[in-house]
Amino acid sequence: MESNHEVAIANDSGVESLEDLSETLGPQLRPVEPKQAVRFGDVVFLAIPFRERDSLPDAARFAEKIVVDAMNPYTENFHVIDLGDDTSSELVASQLPDARLVKSFNTIHWETLRDLGHPDLPESERLAVFLAGDDSDAKARVAGLIRDIGFGPVDVGGLVSGGELLEPGSALYKREITVEEAQDTVQTLRARQG
């Protein structure tokens, strides 16, 4: 890891299953149990299959934490789950009502995150990572993390209207575009939303 952040990582397969990853990514990455990961961080990333979100630790553990929802609503066979009129983040927000939720990191492939961060480039030329949420301080913190890893944050609005722009199948989903291109695209999409 090339940032100065300490990171705890957890999964449902146990700490031992993460040791190789920890050795590969460096000493700043600490494998822990899920409850410890939530307790550890000021910012908690949810990067599990959306359909397994009920396996998350108790909602009270997330109270006042900045929670980054990086999940996408897919079935095991990679079909988009029909959520009716709700976005996936609206459902996560109802599950974790006291969390400071930000939708982000769900529209960009993990290999892109691993390989294409460029902190040396001007922000407008970096690849965009989109974020949506209703807590401006939480979004600012997540935007800082995005910058730290060499990408450019592009705020698409609140959790509902912005979140719609980040769902699978949207015009922003899995698009590798620069911040400058992304800002133009978001402006066009917002105009269409009315």
N, C-alpha and C. Protein backbone atom coordinates (compact mmCIF):
# COMPACT_ATOMS: atom_id res chain seq x y z
N MET A 1 0.84 -1.18 0.00
CA MET A 1 0.00 0.00 0.00
C MET A 1 0.88 1.24 0.00
N GLU A 2 0.54 2.19 -0.85
CA GLU A 2 1.40 3.35 -0.99
C GLU A 2 0.89 4.56 -0.22
N SER A 3 -0.21 4.45 0.51
CA SER A 3 -0.67 5.56 1.33
C SER A 3 -0.18 5.35 2.76
N ASN A 4 -0.38 6.34 3.57
CA ASN A 4 0.05 6.25 4.96
C ASN A 4 -1.08 5.83 5.89
N HIS A 5 -2.11 5.26 5.35
CA HIS A 5 -3.26 4.85 6.15
C HIS A 5 -3.06 3.45 6.69
N GLU A 6 -3.45 3.26 7.95
CA GLU A 6 -3.50 1.90 8.50
C GLU A 6 -4.85 1.31 8.12
N VAL A 7 -4.84 0.06 7.70
CA VAL A 7 -6.06 -0.57 7.21
C VAL A 7 -6.25 -1.91 7.89
N ALA A 8 -7.45 -2.12 8.42
CA ALA A 8 -7.83 -3.44 8.92
C ALA A 8 -8.73 -4.06 7.85
N ILE A 9 -8.53 -5.34 7.58
CA ILE A 9 -9.32 -6.03 6.57
C ILE A 9 -9.89 -7.29 7.19
N ALA A 10 -11.14 -7.59 6.82
CA ALA A 10 -11.82 -8.75 7.39
C ALA A 10 -12.67 -9.41 6.32
N ASN A 11 -12.94 -10.68 6.54
CA ASN A 11 -13.90 -11.41 5.71
C ASN A 11 -14.54 -12.48 6.57
N ASP A 12 -15.43 -13.26 5.99
CA ASP A 12 -16.09 -14.30 6.78
C ASP A 12 -15.34 -15.63 6.74
N SER A 13 -14.17 -15.65 6.11
CA SER A 13 -13.37 -16.88 6.05
C SER A 13 -12.29 -16.94 7.12
N GLY A 14 -12.14 -15.87 7.89
CA GLY A 14 -11.18 -15.88 8.98
C GLY A 14 -9.88 -15.17 8.67
N VAL A 15 -9.21 -14.77 9.73
CA VAL A 15 -7.97 -14.00 9.64
C VAL A 15 -6.90 -14.72 8.83
N GLU A 16 -6.79 -16.03 9.00
CA GLU A 16 -5.75 -16.79 8.30
C GLU A 16 -5.86 -16.66 6.79
N SER A 17 -7.08 -16.56 6.29
CA SER A 17 -7.27 -16.47 4.84
C SER A 17 -6.76 -15.15 4.26
N LEU A 18 -6.47 -14.19 5.11
CA LEU A 18 -6.03 -12.87 4.66
C LEU A 18 -4.53 -12.62 4.84
N GLU A 19 -3.83 -13.58 5.41
CA GLU A 19 -2.42 -13.36 5.73
C GLU A 19 -1.56 -13.15 4.48
N ASP A 20 -1.81 -13.90 3.41
CA ASP A 20 -1.04 -13.70 2.18
C ASP A 20 -1.25 -12.30 1.61
N LEU A 21 -2.49 -11.85 1.66
CA LEU A 21 -2.80 -10.50 1.18
C LEU A 21 -2.06 -9.46 2.01
N SER A 22 -2.03 -9.67 3.30
CA SER A 22 -1.33 -8.75 4.19
C SER A 22 0.16 -8.70 3.87
N GLU A 23 0.75 -9.85 3.60
CA GLU A 23 2.17 -9.90 3.25
C GLU A 23 2.44 -9.20 1.91
N THR A 24 1.51 -9.35 0.97
CA THR A 24 1.66 -8.73 -0.35
C THR A 24 1.53 -7.21 -0.28
N LEU A 25 0.55 -6.74 0.48
CA LEU A 25 0.26 -5.31 0.49
C LEU A 25 1.02 -4.51 1.53
N GLY A 26 1.62 -5.19 2.50
CA GLY A 26 2.48 -4.48 3.44
C GLY A 26 1.97 -4.45 4.86
N PRO A 27 2.83 -3.95 5.75
CA PRO A 27 2.54 -3.99 7.18
C PRO A 27 1.42 -3.06 7.63
N GLN A 28 1.00 -2.13 6.77
CA GLN A 28 -0.09 -1.23 7.15
C GLN A 28 -1.45 -1.95 7.10
N LEU A 29 -1.48 -3.13 6.51
CA LEU A 29 -2.72 -3.90 6.38
C LEU A 29 -2.75 -4.95 7.47
N ARG A 30 -3.78 -4.89 8.29
CA ARG A 30 -3.90 -5.80 9.42
C ARG A 30 -5.15 -6.69 9.26
N PRO A 31 -4.97 -8.01 9.11
CA PRO A 31 -6.13 -8.90 9.05
C PRO A 31 -6.76 -9.05 10.43
N VAL A 32 -8.08 -8.89 10.49
CA VAL A 32 -8.81 -8.99 11.76
C VAL A 32 -10.17 -9.65 11.50
N GLU A 33 -10.90 -9.90 12.58
CA GLU A 33 -12.27 -10.38 12.47
C GLU A 33 -13.19 -9.21 12.11
N PRO A 34 -14.36 -9.47 11.49
CA PRO A 34 -15.24 -8.38 11.06
C PRO A 34 -15.59 -7.37 12.16
N LYS A 35 -15.93 -7.84 13.34
CA LYS A 35 -16.29 -6.90 14.42
C LYS A 35 -15.11 -6.01 14.78
N GLN A 36 -13.91 -6.58 14.75
CA GLN A 36 -12.71 -5.78 15.05
C GLN A 36 -12.46 -4.74 13.96
N ALA A 37 -12.74 -5.10 12.72
CA ALA A 37 -12.53 -4.16 11.62
C ALA A 37 -13.45 -2.94 11.77
N VAL A 38 -14.69 -3.18 12.15
CA VAL A 38 -15.62 -2.07 12.34
C VAL A 38 -15.16 -1.19 13.50
N ARG A 39 -14.72 -1.81 14.57
CA ARG A 39 -14.24 -1.07 15.74
C ARG A 39 -12.95 -0.29 15.42
N PHE A 40 -12.10 -0.86 14.59
CA PHE A 40 -10.78 -0.31 14.27
C PHE A 40 -10.85 1.04 13.56
N GLY A 41 -11.68 1.13 12.55
CA GLY A 41 -11.60 2.26 11.64
C GLY A 41 -12.55 3.39 11.91
N ASP A 42 -12.09 4.61 11.54
CA ASP A 42 -12.99 5.76 11.50
C ASP A 42 -13.85 5.68 10.24
N VAL A 43 -13.27 5.05 9.21
CA VAL A 43 -13.96 4.84 7.94
C VAL A 43 -14.00 3.34 7.70
N VAL A 44 -15.19 2.83 7.44
CA VAL A 44 -15.39 1.39 7.23
C VAL A 44 -15.91 1.19 5.81
N PHE A 45 -15.25 0.33 5.05
CA PHE A 45 -15.69 0.01 3.69
C PHE A 45 -16.49 -1.28 3.71
N LEU A 46 -17.65 -1.27 3.08
CA LEU A 46 -18.44 -2.48 2.88
C LEU A 46 -18.21 -2.94 1.45
N ALA A 47 -17.46 -4.01 1.31
CA ALA A 47 -17.11 -4.53 -0.01
C ALA A 47 -17.39 -6.03 -0.04
N ILE A 48 -18.60 -6.37 0.37
CA ILE A 48 -19.05 -7.76 0.35
C ILE A 48 -20.18 -7.87 -0.66
N PRO A 49 -20.57 -9.08 -1.05
CA PRO A 49 -21.73 -9.18 -1.93
C PRO A 49 -22.95 -8.54 -1.27
N PHE A 50 -23.65 -7.68 -1.99
CA PHE A 50 -24.82 -6.99 -1.46
C PHE A 50 -25.83 -7.96 -0.88
N ARG A 51 -25.99 -9.10 -1.53
CA ARG A 51 -26.97 -10.08 -1.09
C ARG A 51 -26.61 -10.68 0.27
N GLU A 52 -25.39 -10.44 0.75
CA GLU A 52 -24.95 -10.96 2.05
C GLU A 52 -24.84 -9.87 3.11
N ARG A 53 -25.45 -8.73 2.86
CA ARG A 53 -25.32 -7.62 3.79
C ARG A 53 -25.94 -7.89 5.16
N ASP A 54 -26.85 -8.85 5.24
CA ASP A 54 -27.43 -9.19 6.54
C ASP A 54 -26.42 -9.86 7.46
N SER A 55 -25.28 -10.28 6.91
CA SER A 55 -24.23 -10.90 7.74
C SER A 55 -23.32 -9.87 8.39
N LEU A 56 -23.55 -8.59 8.13
CA LEU A 56 -22.73 -7.54 8.74
C LEU A 56 -22.89 -7.55 10.26
N PRO A 57 -21.87 -7.09 10.97
CA PRO A 57 -22.02 -6.96 12.43
C PRO A 57 -23.21 -6.06 12.77
N ASP A 58 -23.63 -6.10 14.00
CA ASP A 58 -24.78 -5.35 14.50
C ASP A 58 -24.69 -3.87 14.11
N ALA A 59 -25.82 -3.29 13.73
CA ALA A 59 -25.86 -1.90 13.26
C ALA A 59 -25.29 -0.92 14.27
N ALA A 60 -25.45 -1.20 15.56
CA ALA A 60 -24.95 -0.28 16.59
C ALA A 60 -23.43 -0.10 16.49
N ARG A 61 -22.73 -1.09 16.01
CA ARG A 61 -21.27 -0.98 15.87
C ARG A 61 -20.86 0.07 14.82
N PHE A 62 -21.76 0.38 13.91
CA PHE A 62 -21.47 1.33 12.84
C PHE A 62 -21.90 2.76 13.19
N ALA A 63 -22.50 2.96 14.36
CA ALA A 63 -23.02 4.27 14.74
C ALA A 63 -21.91 5.32 14.69
N GLU A 64 -22.19 6.42 14.00
CA GLU A 64 -21.29 7.56 13.86
C GLU A 64 -20.02 7.26 13.05
N LYS A 65 -19.89 6.06 12.53
CA LYS A 65 -18.76 5.74 11.65
C LYS A 65 -19.09 6.22 10.23
N ILE A 66 -18.05 6.61 9.51
CA ILE A 66 -18.22 6.86 8.08
C ILE A 66 -18.17 5.49 7.41
N VAL A 67 -19.24 5.14 6.73
CA VAL A 67 -19.34 3.83 6.09
C VAL A 67 -19.41 4.04 4.58
N VAL A 68 -18.46 3.45 3.88
CA VAL A 68 -18.42 3.54 2.42
C VAL A 68 -19.08 2.28 1.86
N ASP A 69 -20.19 2.49 1.19
CA ASP A 69 -20.92 1.38 0.57
C ASP A 69 -20.35 1.17 -0.84
N ALA A 70 -19.54 0.14 -0.97
CA ALA A 70 -18.94 -0.20 -2.27
C ALA A 70 -19.62 -1.42 -2.88
N MET A 71 -20.80 -1.76 -2.35
CA MET A 71 -21.50 -2.97 -2.81
C MET A 71 -22.38 -2.66 -4.02
N ASN A 72 -22.63 -3.69 -4.80
CA ASN A 72 -23.54 -3.61 -5.93
C ASN A 72 -24.56 -4.74 -5.82
N PRO A 73 -25.82 -4.46 -6.18
CA PRO A 73 -26.88 -5.44 -6.00
C PRO A 73 -26.93 -6.50 -7.10
N TYR A 74 -26.08 -7.51 -6.94
CA TYR A 74 -26.04 -8.62 -7.89
C TYR A 74 -26.41 -9.93 -7.21
N THR A 75 -26.99 -10.84 -7.99
CA THR A 75 -27.20 -12.20 -7.52
C THR A 75 -25.88 -12.96 -7.65
N GLU A 76 -25.88 -14.20 -7.21
CA GLU A 76 -24.68 -15.05 -7.36
C GLU A 76 -24.30 -15.23 -8.82
N ASN A 77 -25.30 -15.16 -9.72
CA ASN A 77 -25.06 -15.33 -11.16
C ASN A 77 -24.84 -14.00 -11.88
N PHE A 78 -24.59 -12.94 -11.12
CA PHE A 78 -24.31 -11.61 -11.64
C PHE A 78 -25.46 -10.99 -12.42
N HIS A 79 -26.67 -11.28 -11.99
CA HIS A 79 -27.84 -10.56 -12.49
C HIS A 79 -28.14 -9.46 -11.48
N VAL A 80 -28.57 -8.31 -11.98
CA VAL A 80 -28.90 -7.20 -11.09
C VAL A 80 -30.17 -7.55 -10.32
N ILE A 81 -30.11 -7.35 -9.00
CA ILE A 81 -31.27 -7.60 -8.14
C ILE A 81 -32.25 -6.45 -8.31
N ASP A 82 -33.53 -6.77 -8.52
CA ASP A 82 -34.56 -5.74 -8.65
C ASP A 82 -34.88 -5.21 -7.26
N LEU A 83 -34.58 -3.94 -7.02
CA LEU A 83 -34.82 -3.32 -5.72
C LEU A 83 -36.04 -2.41 -5.74
N GLY A 84 -36.84 -2.52 -6.79
CA GLY A 84 -38.00 -1.64 -6.90
C GLY A 84 -37.55 -0.21 -7.10
N ASP A 85 -38.12 0.70 -6.32
CA ASP A 85 -37.78 2.12 -6.45
C ASP A 85 -36.59 2.55 -5.60
N ASP A 86 -36.03 1.62 -4.83
CA ASP A 86 -34.92 1.96 -3.94
C ASP A 86 -33.58 1.75 -4.62
N THR A 87 -32.59 2.50 -4.18
CA THR A 87 -31.21 2.22 -4.57
C THR A 87 -30.64 1.27 -3.53
N SER A 88 -29.56 0.62 -3.87
CA SER A 88 -28.94 -0.30 -2.91
C SER A 88 -28.50 0.45 -1.66
N SER A 89 -28.01 1.66 -1.81
CA SER A 89 -27.56 2.41 -0.64
C SER A 89 -28.70 2.86 0.26
N GLU A 90 -29.88 3.07 -0.29
CA GLU A 90 -31.03 3.37 0.57
C GLU A 90 -31.32 2.19 1.49
N LEU A 91 -31.19 0.98 0.96
CA LEU A 91 -31.42 -0.20 1.79
C LEU A 91 -30.32 -0.35 2.84
N VAL A 92 -29.09 -0.05 2.47
CA VAL A 92 -27.98 -0.11 3.43
C VAL A 92 -28.19 0.96 4.51
N ALA A 93 -28.63 2.15 4.11
CA ALA A 93 -28.88 3.22 5.08
C ALA A 93 -29.97 2.83 6.07
N SER A 94 -30.99 2.12 5.61
CA SER A 94 -32.03 1.69 6.55
C SER A 94 -31.52 0.58 7.47
N GLN A 95 -30.57 -0.20 7.01
CA GLN A 95 -29.97 -1.26 7.82
C GLN A 95 -28.99 -0.68 8.85
N LEU A 96 -28.32 0.40 8.50
CA LEU A 96 -27.32 1.04 9.37
C LEU A 96 -27.72 2.50 9.59
N PRO A 97 -28.82 2.74 10.31
CA PRO A 97 -29.40 4.08 10.37
C PRO A 97 -28.52 5.15 11.02
N ASP A 98 -27.61 4.77 11.87
CA ASP A 98 -26.77 5.76 12.55
C ASP A 98 -25.38 5.90 11.94
N ALA A 99 -25.16 5.23 10.81
CA ALA A 99 -23.88 5.35 10.10
C ALA A 99 -23.92 6.60 9.22
N ARG A 100 -22.76 7.11 8.93
CA ARG A 100 -22.61 8.27 8.03
C ARG A 100 -22.24 7.70 6.66
N LEU A 101 -23.27 7.34 5.89
CA LEU A 101 -23.09 6.53 4.68
C LEU A 101 -22.69 7.35 3.46
N VAL A 102 -21.70 6.82 2.74
CA VAL A 102 -21.27 7.38 1.46
C VAL A 102 -21.20 6.23 0.47
N LYS A 103 -21.86 6.39 -0.67
CA LYS A 103 -21.77 5.41 -1.75
C LYS A 103 -20.55 5.77 -2.59
N SER A 104 -19.62 4.84 -2.73
CA SER A 104 -18.42 5.11 -3.53
C SER A 104 -17.66 3.82 -3.79
N PHE A 105 -16.74 3.87 -4.70
CA PHE A 105 -15.85 2.76 -5.05
C PHE A 105 -16.59 1.57 -5.66
N ASN A 106 -17.87 1.71 -5.98
CA ASN A 106 -18.61 0.59 -6.55
C ASN A 106 -18.64 0.59 -8.07
N THR A 107 -18.23 1.70 -8.68
CA THR A 107 -18.34 1.79 -10.14
C THR A 107 -17.02 1.55 -10.85
N ILE A 108 -15.98 1.26 -10.09
CA ILE A 108 -14.64 1.12 -10.66
C ILE A 108 -14.07 -0.25 -10.29
N HIS A 109 -13.44 -0.89 -11.23
CA HIS A 109 -12.92 -2.24 -11.02
C HIS A 109 -11.75 -2.22 -10.06
N TRP A 110 -11.62 -3.26 -9.25
CA TRP A 110 -10.54 -3.31 -8.24
C TRP A 110 -9.16 -3.26 -8.88
N GLU A 111 -9.01 -3.84 -10.07
CA GLU A 111 -7.70 -3.81 -10.72
C GLU A 111 -7.33 -2.38 -11.15
N THR A 112 -8.34 -1.62 -11.53
CA THR A 112 -8.10 -0.21 -11.85
C THR A 112 -7.63 0.53 -10.60
N LEU A 113 -8.28 0.26 -9.47
CA LEU A 113 -7.86 0.88 -8.21
C LEU A 113 -6.43 0.49 -7.85
N ARG A 114 -6.12 -0.76 -8.09
CA ARG A 114 -4.77 -1.24 -7.76
C ARG A 114 -3.71 -0.63 -8.67
N ASP A 115 -4.01 -0.50 -9.96
CA ASP A 115 -2.97 -0.20 -10.94
C ASP A 115 -2.93 1.24 -11.47
N LEU A 116 -4.03 1.96 -11.41
CA LEU A 116 -4.09 3.20 -12.18
C LEU A 116 -4.22 4.48 -11.36
N GLY A 117 -3.93 4.42 -10.08
CA GLY A 117 -3.89 5.63 -9.28
C GLY A 117 -2.64 6.43 -9.61
N HIS A 118 -2.81 7.74 -9.80
CA HIS A 118 -1.68 8.60 -10.17
C HIS A 118 -1.68 9.88 -9.33
N PRO A 119 -1.14 9.80 -8.11
CA PRO A 119 -1.10 11.01 -7.28
C PRO A 119 -0.25 12.12 -7.87
N ASP A 120 0.59 11.79 -8.85
CA ASP A 120 1.46 12.78 -9.48
C ASP A 120 0.74 13.63 -10.52
N LEU A 121 -0.43 13.19 -10.98
CA LEU A 121 -1.17 13.95 -12.00
C LEU A 121 -2.02 15.04 -11.37
N PRO A 122 -2.29 16.11 -12.13
CA PRO A 122 -3.28 17.08 -11.66
C PRO A 122 -4.62 16.36 -11.47
N GLU A 123 -5.39 16.79 -10.50
CA GLU A 123 -6.63 16.07 -10.18
C GLU A 123 -7.56 15.94 -11.38
N SER A 124 -7.65 16.95 -12.22
CA SER A 124 -8.57 16.90 -13.37
C SER A 124 -8.20 15.81 -14.37
N GLU A 125 -6.93 15.36 -14.35
CA GLU A 125 -6.46 14.33 -15.28
C GLU A 125 -6.47 12.92 -14.68
N ARG A 126 -6.75 12.81 -13.40
CA ARG A 126 -6.81 11.50 -12.76
C ARG A 126 -8.12 10.80 -13.13
N LEU A 127 -8.14 9.48 -13.00
CA LEU A 127 -9.39 8.76 -13.18
C LEU A 127 -10.34 9.11 -12.04
N ALA A 128 -11.62 9.20 -12.38
CA ALA A 128 -12.65 9.59 -11.42
C ALA A 128 -13.10 8.41 -10.57
N VAL A 129 -13.33 8.69 -9.30
CA VAL A 129 -14.05 7.79 -8.40
C VAL A 129 -15.24 8.60 -7.90
N PHE A 130 -16.43 8.11 -8.18
CA PHE A 130 -17.66 8.83 -7.85
C PHE A 130 -18.05 8.59 -6.40
N LEU A 131 -18.75 9.58 -5.82
CA LEU A 131 -19.28 9.40 -4.48
C LEU A 131 -20.60 10.13 -4.35
N ALA A 132 -21.48 9.57 -3.52
CA ALA A 132 -22.79 10.16 -3.24
C ALA A 132 -23.08 10.00 -1.76
N GLY A 133 -23.77 10.97 -1.20
CA GLY A 133 -24.14 10.87 0.21
C GLY A 133 -24.77 12.16 0.69
N ASP A 134 -25.34 12.09 1.88
CA ASP A 134 -26.04 13.24 2.45
C ASP A 134 -25.23 13.95 3.54
N ASP A 135 -24.13 13.37 3.97
CA ASP A 135 -23.28 13.93 5.03
C ASP A 135 -22.05 14.56 4.36
N SER A 136 -22.03 15.89 4.30
CA SER A 136 -20.94 16.56 3.57
C SER A 136 -19.58 16.32 4.20
N ASP A 137 -19.51 16.24 5.52
CA ASP A 137 -18.22 15.97 6.17
C ASP A 137 -17.72 14.55 5.85
N ALA A 138 -18.64 13.60 5.85
CA ALA A 138 -18.26 12.21 5.51
C ALA A 138 -17.79 12.14 4.06
N LYS A 139 -18.49 12.83 3.16
CA LYS A 139 -18.07 12.83 1.76
C LYS A 139 -16.69 13.48 1.60
N ALA A 140 -16.43 14.54 2.35
CA ALA A 140 -15.12 15.19 2.27
C ALA A 140 -14.02 14.25 2.73
N ARG A 141 -14.30 13.48 3.76
CA ARG A 141 -13.29 12.52 4.26
C ARG A 141 -13.02 11.44 3.21
N VAL A 142 -14.07 10.91 2.60
CA VAL A 142 -13.92 9.89 1.56
C VAL A 142 -13.22 10.49 0.34
N ALA A 143 -13.56 11.71 -0.01
CA ALA A 143 -12.88 12.38 -1.13
C ALA A 143 -11.39 12.49 -0.86
N GLY A 144 -11.01 12.75 0.38
CA GLY A 144 -9.60 12.80 0.74
C GLY A 144 -8.91 11.47 0.55
N LEU A 145 -9.59 10.39 0.92
CA LEU A 145 -9.03 9.05 0.72
C LEU A 145 -8.85 8.75 -0.77
N ILE A 146 -9.83 9.16 -1.56
CA ILE A 146 -9.75 8.96 -3.01
C ILE A 146 -8.51 9.68 -3.56
N ARG A 147 -8.31 10.91 -3.13
CA ARG A 147 -7.13 11.66 -3.58
C ARG A 147 -5.84 10.99 -3.12
N ASP A 148 -5.84 10.51 -1.88
CA ASP A 148 -4.63 9.88 -1.32
C ASP A 148 -4.14 8.70 -2.14
N ILE A 149 -5.07 7.98 -2.77
CA ILE A 149 -4.67 6.80 -3.55
C ILE A 149 -4.49 7.12 -5.04
N GLY A 150 -4.54 8.41 -5.37
CA GLY A 150 -4.19 8.82 -6.73
C GLY A 150 -5.32 8.92 -7.72
N PHE A 151 -6.55 9.03 -7.22
CA PHE A 151 -7.71 9.20 -8.09
C PHE A 151 -8.34 10.56 -7.79
N GLY A 152 -9.37 10.91 -8.53
CA GLY A 152 -10.04 12.18 -8.32
C GLY A 152 -11.49 11.96 -7.93
N PRO A 153 -11.92 12.55 -6.82
CA PRO A 153 -13.31 12.39 -6.39
C PRO A 153 -14.25 13.24 -7.24
N VAL A 154 -15.40 12.67 -7.58
CA VAL A 154 -16.44 13.41 -8.28
C VAL A 154 -17.74 13.16 -7.52
N ASP A 155 -18.24 14.22 -6.90
CA ASP A 155 -19.46 14.16 -6.08
C ASP A 155 -20.66 14.22 -7.01
N VAL A 156 -21.52 13.20 -6.93
CA VAL A 156 -22.70 13.16 -7.80
C VAL A 156 -23.98 13.53 -7.07
N GLY A 157 -23.86 13.95 -5.80
CA GLY A 157 -25.04 14.42 -5.08
C GLY A 157 -25.39 13.59 -3.87
N GLY A 158 -26.65 13.66 -3.49
CA GLY A 158 -27.15 12.97 -2.31
C GLY A 158 -27.25 11.47 -2.51
N LEU A 159 -27.56 10.80 -1.42
CA LEU A 159 -27.59 9.34 -1.44
C LEU A 159 -28.66 8.79 -2.39
N VAL A 160 -29.79 9.47 -2.50
CA VAL A 160 -30.86 8.97 -3.37
C VAL A 160 -30.60 9.37 -4.83
N SER A 161 -30.59 10.68 -5.10
CA SER A 161 -30.44 11.11 -6.50
C SER A 161 -29.06 10.78 -7.05
N GLY A 162 -28.03 10.99 -6.24
CA GLY A 162 -26.68 10.63 -6.68
C GLY A 162 -26.49 9.13 -6.73
N GLY A 163 -27.06 8.45 -5.75
CA GLY A 163 -26.95 6.99 -5.71
C GLY A 163 -27.53 6.32 -6.94
N GLU A 164 -28.60 6.91 -7.49
CA GLU A 164 -29.18 6.37 -8.72
C GLU A 164 -28.17 6.37 -9.86
N LEU A 165 -27.30 7.36 -9.87
CA LEU A 165 -26.30 7.47 -10.94
C LEU A 165 -25.17 6.46 -10.80
N LEU A 166 -25.10 5.79 -9.63
CA LEU A 166 -24.01 4.85 -9.37
C LEU A 166 -24.45 3.39 -9.38
N GLU A 167 -25.71 3.15 -9.68
CA GLU A 167 -26.22 1.78 -9.71
C GLU A 167 -25.75 1.06 -10.98
N PRO A 168 -25.67 -0.28 -10.93
CA PRO A 168 -25.32 -1.03 -12.14
C PRO A 168 -26.24 -0.66 -13.31
N GLY A 169 -25.63 -0.50 -14.46
CA GLY A 169 -26.38 -0.14 -15.66
C GLY A 169 -26.49 1.36 -15.89
N SER A 170 -26.07 2.16 -14.92
CA SER A 170 -26.15 3.61 -15.10
C SER A 170 -25.03 4.08 -16.04
N ALA A 171 -25.14 5.32 -16.45
CA ALA A 171 -24.16 5.89 -17.39
C ALA A 171 -22.77 6.05 -16.77
N LEU A 172 -22.67 6.00 -15.44
CA LEU A 172 -21.38 6.16 -14.78
C LEU A 172 -20.77 4.83 -14.35
N TYR A 173 -21.54 3.78 -14.43
CA TYR A 173 -21.10 2.49 -13.91
C TYR A 173 -20.02 1.88 -14.79
N LYS A 174 -18.90 1.54 -14.17
CA LYS A 174 -17.74 0.91 -14.82
C LYS A 174 -17.19 1.75 -15.97
N ARG A 175 -17.23 3.07 -15.81
CA ARG A 175 -16.65 3.97 -16.80
C ARG A 175 -15.31 4.47 -16.28
N GLU A 176 -14.27 4.25 -17.02
CA GLU A 176 -12.95 4.78 -16.66
C GLU A 176 -12.76 6.09 -17.41
N ILE A 177 -13.08 7.18 -16.72
CA ILE A 177 -12.97 8.50 -17.33
C ILE A 177 -12.27 9.44 -16.35
N THR A 178 -11.68 10.48 -16.90
CA THR A 178 -10.98 11.44 -16.05
C THR A 178 -11.99 12.28 -15.26
N VAL A 179 -11.48 12.95 -14.26
CA VAL A 179 -12.33 13.83 -13.46
C VAL A 179 -12.99 14.88 -14.35
N GLU A 180 -12.24 15.47 -15.24
CA GLU A 180 -12.80 16.49 -16.13
C GLU A 180 -13.94 15.92 -16.97
N GLU A 181 -13.74 14.74 -17.56
CA GLU A 181 -14.80 14.10 -18.36
C GLU A 181 -15.99 13.73 -17.47
N ALA A 182 -15.70 13.26 -16.27
CA ALA A 182 -16.75 12.83 -15.35
C ALA A 182 -17.63 14.01 -14.93
N GLN A 183 -17.02 15.14 -14.66
CA GLN A 183 -17.80 16.31 -14.25
C GLN A 183 -18.75 16.74 -15.36
N ASP A 184 -18.30 16.71 -16.61
CA ASP A 184 -19.17 17.04 -17.74
C ASP A 184 -20.31 16.03 -17.84
N THR A 185 -19.99 14.74 -17.70
CA THR A 185 -21.00 13.69 -17.79
C THR A 185 -22.03 13.84 -16.67
N VAL A 186 -21.58 14.09 -15.45
CA VAL A 186 -22.50 14.24 -14.31
C VAL A 186 -23.41 15.44 -14.52
N GLN A 187 -22.86 16.53 -15.02
CA GLN A 187 -23.68 17.72 -15.28
C GLN A 187 -24.80 17.39 -16.28
N THR A 188 -24.47 16.66 -17.32
CA THR A 188 -25.47 16.26 -18.32
C THR A 188 -26.53 15.35 -17.69
N LEU A 189 -26.09 14.39 -16.88
CA LEU A 189 -27.03 13.46 -16.25
C LEU A 189 -27.94 14.16 -15.25
N ARG A 190 -27.40 15.10 -14.50
CA ARG A 190 -28.24 15.86 -13.55
C ARG A 190 -29.30 16.66 -14.29
N ALA A 191 -28.93 17.23 -15.43
CA ALA A 191 -29.89 18.00 -16.22
C ALA A 191 -31.04 17.10 -16.68
N ARG A 192 -30.72 15.85 -17.02
CA ARG A 192 -31.76 14.90 -17.44
C ARG A 192 -32.66 14.49 -16.28
N GLN A 193 -32.07 14.40 -15.05
CA GLN A 193 -32.87 14.03 -13.88
C GLN A 193 -33.91 15.09 -13.57
N GLY A 194 -33.64 16.32 -13.98
CA GLY A 194 -34.58 17.42 -13.76
C GLY A 194 -34.37 18.01 -12.45
